[in-house]
Amino acid sequence: MTGYPLEELYQEVAYIAFYFHWARSDILSLDHEERLRWVEEINQLVD
């Protein structure tokens, strides 16, 4: 089993932090599915 791609993790954290101004530790405490859900929600706001 391989881990989550580090580059994608950085992108997700940066994206959420940029738009919501959440702390890195708060974003990293979310599981992968929940982070992706917030990325989707941000995409809906900025489209």
PDB file of N, CA and C in Angstrom:
ATOM      1  N   MET A   1       0.834  -1.174   0.000  1.00  0.00           N
ATOM      2  CA  MET A   1       0.000   0.000   0.000  1.00  0.00           C
ATOM      3  C   MET A   1       0.883   1.243   0.000  1.00  0.00           C
ATOM      4  N   THR A   2       0.552   2.191  -0.843  1.00  0.00           N
ATOM      5  CA  THR A   2       1.320   3.421  -0.883  1.00  0.00           C
ATOM      6  C   THR A   2       0.572   4.522  -0.158  1.00  0.00           C
ATOM      7  N   GLY A   3       1.308   5.518   0.286  1.00  0.00           N
ATOM      8  CA  GLY A   3       0.691   6.636   0.984  1.00  0.00           C
ATOM      9  C   GLY A   3       0.065   7.621   0.012  1.00  0.00           C
ATOM     10  N   TYR A   4      -0.594   8.598   0.559  1.00  0.00           N
ATOM     11  CA  TYR A   4      -1.215   9.639  -0.245  1.00  0.00           C
ATOM     12  C   TYR A   4      -0.115  10.475  -0.880  1.00  0.00           C
ATOM     13  N   PRO A   5      -0.233  10.791  -2.172  1.00  0.00           N
ATOM     14  CA  PRO A   5       0.829  11.563  -2.849  1.00  0.00           C
ATOM     15  C   PRO A   5       1.076  12.901  -2.156  1.00  0.00           C
ATOM     16  N   LEU A   6       2.296  13.118  -1.759  1.00  0.00           N
ATOM     17  CA  LEU A   6       2.655  14.300  -0.982  1.00  0.00           C
ATOM     18  C   LEU A   6       2.345  15.596  -1.738  1.00  0.00           C
ATOM     19  N   GLU A   7       2.587  15.624  -3.040  1.00  0.00           N
ATOM     20  CA  GLU A   7       2.323  16.827  -3.827  1.00  0.00           C
ATOM     21  C   GLU A   7       0.837  17.193  -3.798  1.00  0.00           C
ATOM     22  N   GLU A   8      -0.024  16.194  -3.889  1.00  0.00           N
ATOM     23  CA  GLU A   8      -1.469  16.453  -3.830  1.00  0.00           C
ATOM     24  C   GLU A   8      -1.884  16.952  -2.450  1.00  0.00           C
ATOM     25  N   LEU A   9      -1.277  16.408  -1.423  1.00  0.00           N
ATOM     26  CA  LEU A   9      -1.581  16.856  -0.068  1.00  0.00           C
ATOM     27  C   LEU A   9      -1.213  18.330   0.097  1.00  0.00           C
ATOM     28  N   TYR A  10      -0.021  18.710  -0.371  1.00  0.00           N
ATOM     29  CA  TYR A  10       0.392  20.108  -0.307  1.00  0.00           C
ATOM     30  C   TYR A  10      -0.593  21.003  -1.058  1.00  0.00           C
ATOM     31  N   GLN A  11      -1.039  20.571  -2.228  1.00  0.00           N
ATOM     32  CA  GLN A  11      -1.972  21.367  -3.031  1.00  0.00           C
ATOM     33  C   GLN A  11      -3.299  21.558  -2.300  1.00  0.00           C
ATOM     34  N   GLU A  12      -3.813  20.487  -1.723  1.00  0.00           N
ATOM     35  CA  GLU A  12      -5.078  20.577  -0.990  1.00  0.00           C
ATOM     36  C   GLU A  12      -4.957  21.514   0.205  1.00  0.00           C
ATOM     37  N   VAL A  13      -3.888  21.367   0.965  1.00  0.00           N
ATOM     38  CA  VAL A  13      -3.692  22.203   2.152  1.00  0.00           C
ATOM     39  C   VAL A  13      -3.554  23.665   1.740  1.00  0.00           C
ATOM     40  N   ALA A  14      -2.756  23.941   0.724  1.00  0.00           N
ATOM     41  CA  ALA A  14      -2.561  25.316   0.274  1.00  0.00           C
ATOM     42  C   ALA A  14      -3.867  25.925  -0.220  1.00  0.00           C
ATOM     43  N   TYR A  15      -4.643  25.162  -0.944  1.00  0.00           N
ATOM     44  CA  TYR A  15      -5.897  25.638  -1.515  1.00  0.00           C
ATOM     45  C   TYR A  15      -6.899  26.007  -0.422  1.00  0.00           C
ATOM     46  N   ILE A  16      -7.074  25.110   0.527  1.00  0.00           N
ATOM     47  CA  ILE A  16      -8.017  25.370   1.616  1.00  0.00           C
ATOM     48  C   ILE A  16      -7.522  26.531   2.484  1.00  0.00           C
ATOM     49  N   ALA A  17      -6.245  26.543   2.782  1.00  0.00           N
ATOM     50  CA  ALA A  17      -5.689  27.617   3.611  1.00  0.00           C
ATOM     51  C   ALA A  17      -5.833  28.964   2.920  1.00  0.00           C
ATOM     52  N   PHE A  18      -5.618  29.019   1.621  1.00  0.00           N
ATOM     53  CA  PHE A  18      -5.710  30.269   0.872  1.00  0.00           C
ATOM     54  C   PHE A  18      -7.113  30.849   0.932  1.00  0.00           C
ATOM     55  N   TYR A  19      -8.110  30.025   0.722  1.00  0.00           N
ATOM     56  CA  TYR A  19      -9.481  30.519   0.655  1.00  0.00           C
ATOM     57  C   TYR A  19     -10.159  30.641   2.011  1.00  0.00           C
ATOM     58  N   PHE A  20      -9.884  29.733   2.935  1.00  0.00           N
ATOM     59  CA  PHE A  20     -10.579  29.743   4.217  1.00  0.00           C
ATOM     60  C   PHE A  20      -9.718  30.245   5.370  1.00  0.00           C
ATOM     61  N   HIS A  21      -8.420  30.411   5.140  1.00  0.00           N
ATOM     62  CA  HIS A  21      -7.503  30.913   6.164  1.00  0.00           C
ATOM     63  C   HIS A  21      -7.464  30.006   7.395  1.00  0.00           C
ATOM     64  N   TRP A  22      -7.629  28.719   7.160  1.00  0.00           N
ATOM     65  CA  TRP A  22      -7.523  27.751   8.248  1.00  0.00           C
ATOM     66  C   TRP A  22      -6.055  27.431   8.499  1.00  0.00           C
ATOM     67  N   ALA A  23      -5.739  27.059   9.708  1.00  0.00           N
ATOM     68  CA  ALA A  23      -4.374  26.656  10.056  1.00  0.00           C
ATOM     69  C   ALA A  23      -4.039  25.306   9.418  1.00  0.00           C
ATOM     70  N   ARG A  24      -2.769  25.154   9.085  1.00  0.00           N
ATOM     71  CA  ARG A  24      -2.307  23.901   8.477  1.00  0.00           C
ATOM     72  C   ARG A  24      -2.658  22.704   9.346  1.00  0.00           C
ATOM     73  N   SER A  25      -2.482  22.831  10.642  1.00  0.00           N
ATOM     74  CA  SER A  25      -2.773  21.700  11.529  1.00  0.00           C
ATOM     75  C   SER A  25      -4.249  21.320  11.491  1.00  0.00           C
ATOM     76  N   ASP A  26      -5.126  22.317  11.380  1.00  0.00           N
ATOM     77  CA  ASP A  26      -6.555  22.032  11.289  1.00  0.00           C
ATOM     78  C   ASP A  26      -6.893  21.305   9.993  1.00  0.00           C
ATOM     79  N   ILE A  27      -6.287  21.738   8.909  1.00  0.00           N
ATOM     80  CA  ILE A  27      -6.543  21.107   7.615  1.00  0.00           C
ATOM     81  C   ILE A  27      -6.005  19.682   7.597  1.00  0.00           C
ATOM     82  N   LEU A  28      -4.815  19.501   8.140  1.00  0.00           N
ATOM     83  CA  LEU A  28      -4.214  18.165   8.157  1.00  0.00           C
ATOM     84  C   LEU A  28      -4.950  17.215   9.097  1.00  0.00           C
ATOM     85  N   SER A  29      -5.715  17.747  10.041  1.00  0.00           N
ATOM     86  CA  SER A  29      -6.468  16.874  10.947  1.00  0.00           C
ATOM     87  C   SER A  29      -7.702  16.277  10.262  1.00  0.00           C
ATOM     88  N   LEU A  30      -8.086  16.845   9.111  1.00  0.00           N
ATOM     89  CA  LEU A  30      -9.211  16.302   8.358  1.00  0.00           C
ATOM     90  C   LEU A  30      -8.770  15.028   7.645  1.00  0.00           C
ATOM     91  N   ASP A  31      -9.671  14.069   7.509  1.00  0.00           N
ATOM     92  CA  ASP A  31      -9.298  12.909   6.711  1.00  0.00           C
ATOM     93  C   ASP A  31      -9.368  13.293   5.230  1.00  0.00           C
ATOM     94  N   HIS A  32      -8.831  12.451   4.389  1.00  0.00           N
ATOM     95  CA  HIS A  32      -8.700  12.745   2.962  1.00  0.00           C
ATOM     96  C   HIS A  32     -10.038  13.097   2.317  1.00  0.00           C
ATOM     97  N   GLU A  33     -11.054  12.302   2.593  1.00  0.00           N
ATOM     98  CA  GLU A  33     -12.368  12.555   1.979  1.00  0.00           C
ATOM     99  C   GLU A  33     -12.931  13.906   2.384  1.00  0.00           C
ATOM    100  N   GLU A  34     -12.764  14.266   3.646  1.00  0.00           N
ATOM    101  CA  GLU A  34     -13.286  15.539   4.110  1.00  0.00           C
ATOM    102  C   GLU A  34     -12.519  16.707   3.498  1.00  0.00           C
ATOM    103  N   ARG A  35     -11.190  16.575   3.364  1.00  0.00           N
ATOM    104  CA  ARG A  35     -10.401  17.621   2.692  1.00  0.00           C
ATOM    105  C   ARG A  35     -10.872  17.800   1.265  1.00  0.00           C
ATOM    106  N   LEU A  36     -11.083  16.703   0.563  1.00  0.00           N
ATOM    107  CA  LEU A  36     -11.547  16.799  -0.820  1.00  0.00           C
ATOM    108  C   LEU A  36     -12.923  17.449  -0.896  1.00  0.00           C
ATOM    109  N   ARG A  37     -13.755  17.169   0.071  1.00  0.00           N
ATOM    110  CA  ARG A  37     -15.080  17.796   0.095  1.00  0.00           C
ATOM    111  C   ARG A  37     -14.963  19.308   0.236  1.00  0.00           C
ATOM    112  N   TRP A  38     -14.064  19.785   1.093  1.00  0.00           N
ATOM    113  CA  TRP A  38     -13.871  21.223   1.242  1.00  0.00           C
ATOM    114  C   TRP A  38     -13.282  21.833  -0.019  1.00  0.00           C
ATOM    115  N   VAL A  39     -12.394  21.113  -0.686  1.00  0.00           N
ATOM    116  CA  VAL A  39     -11.859  21.591  -1.968  1.00  0.00           C
ATOM    117  C   VAL A  39     -13.002  21.750  -2.973  1.00  0.00           C
ATOM    118  N   GLU A  40     -13.903  20.784  -3.020  1.00  0.00           N
ATOM    119  CA  GLU A  40     -15.061  20.868  -3.918  1.00  0.00           C
ATOM    120  C   GLU A  40     -15.948  22.061  -3.572  1.00  0.00           C
ATOM    121  N   GLU A  41     -16.165  22.289  -2.286  1.00  0.00           N
ATOM    122  CA  GLU A  41     -16.997  23.420  -1.866  1.00  0.00           C
ATOM    123  C   GLU A  41     -16.357  24.751  -2.276  1.00  0.00           C
ATOM    124  N   ILE A  42     -15.061  24.866  -2.114  1.00  0.00           N
ATOM    125  CA  ILE A  42     -14.365  26.086  -2.533  1.00  0.00           C
ATOM    126  C   ILE A  42     -14.492  26.265  -4.034  1.00  0.00           C
ATOM    127  N   ASN A  43     -14.339  25.180  -4.783  1.00  0.00           N
ATOM    128  CA  ASN A  43     -14.487  25.267  -6.239  1.00  0.00           C
ATOM    129  C   ASN A  43     -15.852  25.816  -6.620  1.00  0.00           C
ATOM    130  N   GLN A  44     -16.889  25.426  -5.902  1.00  0.00           N
ATOM    131  CA  GLN A  44     -18.227  25.929  -6.179  1.00  0.00           C
ATOM    132  C   GLN A  44     -18.325  27.434  -5.884  1.00  0.00           C
ATOM    133  N   LEU A  45     -17.625  27.887  -4.863  1.00  0.00           N
ATOM    134  CA  LEU A  45     -17.667  29.305  -4.503  1.00  0.00           C
ATOM    135  C   LEU A  45     -16.928  30.183  -5.499  1.00  0.00           C
ATOM    136  N   VAL A  46     -15.844  29.698  -6.048  1.00  0.00           N
ATOM    137  CA  VAL A  46     -15.009  30.530  -6.913  1.00  0.00           C
ATOM    138  C   VAL A  46     -15.354  30.411  -8.389  1.00  0.00           C
ATOM    139  N   ASP A  47     -16.201  29.457  -8.748  1.00  0.00           N
ATOM    140  CA  ASP A  47     -16.606  29.325 -10.155  1.00  0.00           C
ATOM    141  C   ASP A  47     -17.609  30.361 -10.550  1.00  0.00           C
TER     142      ASP A  47
END
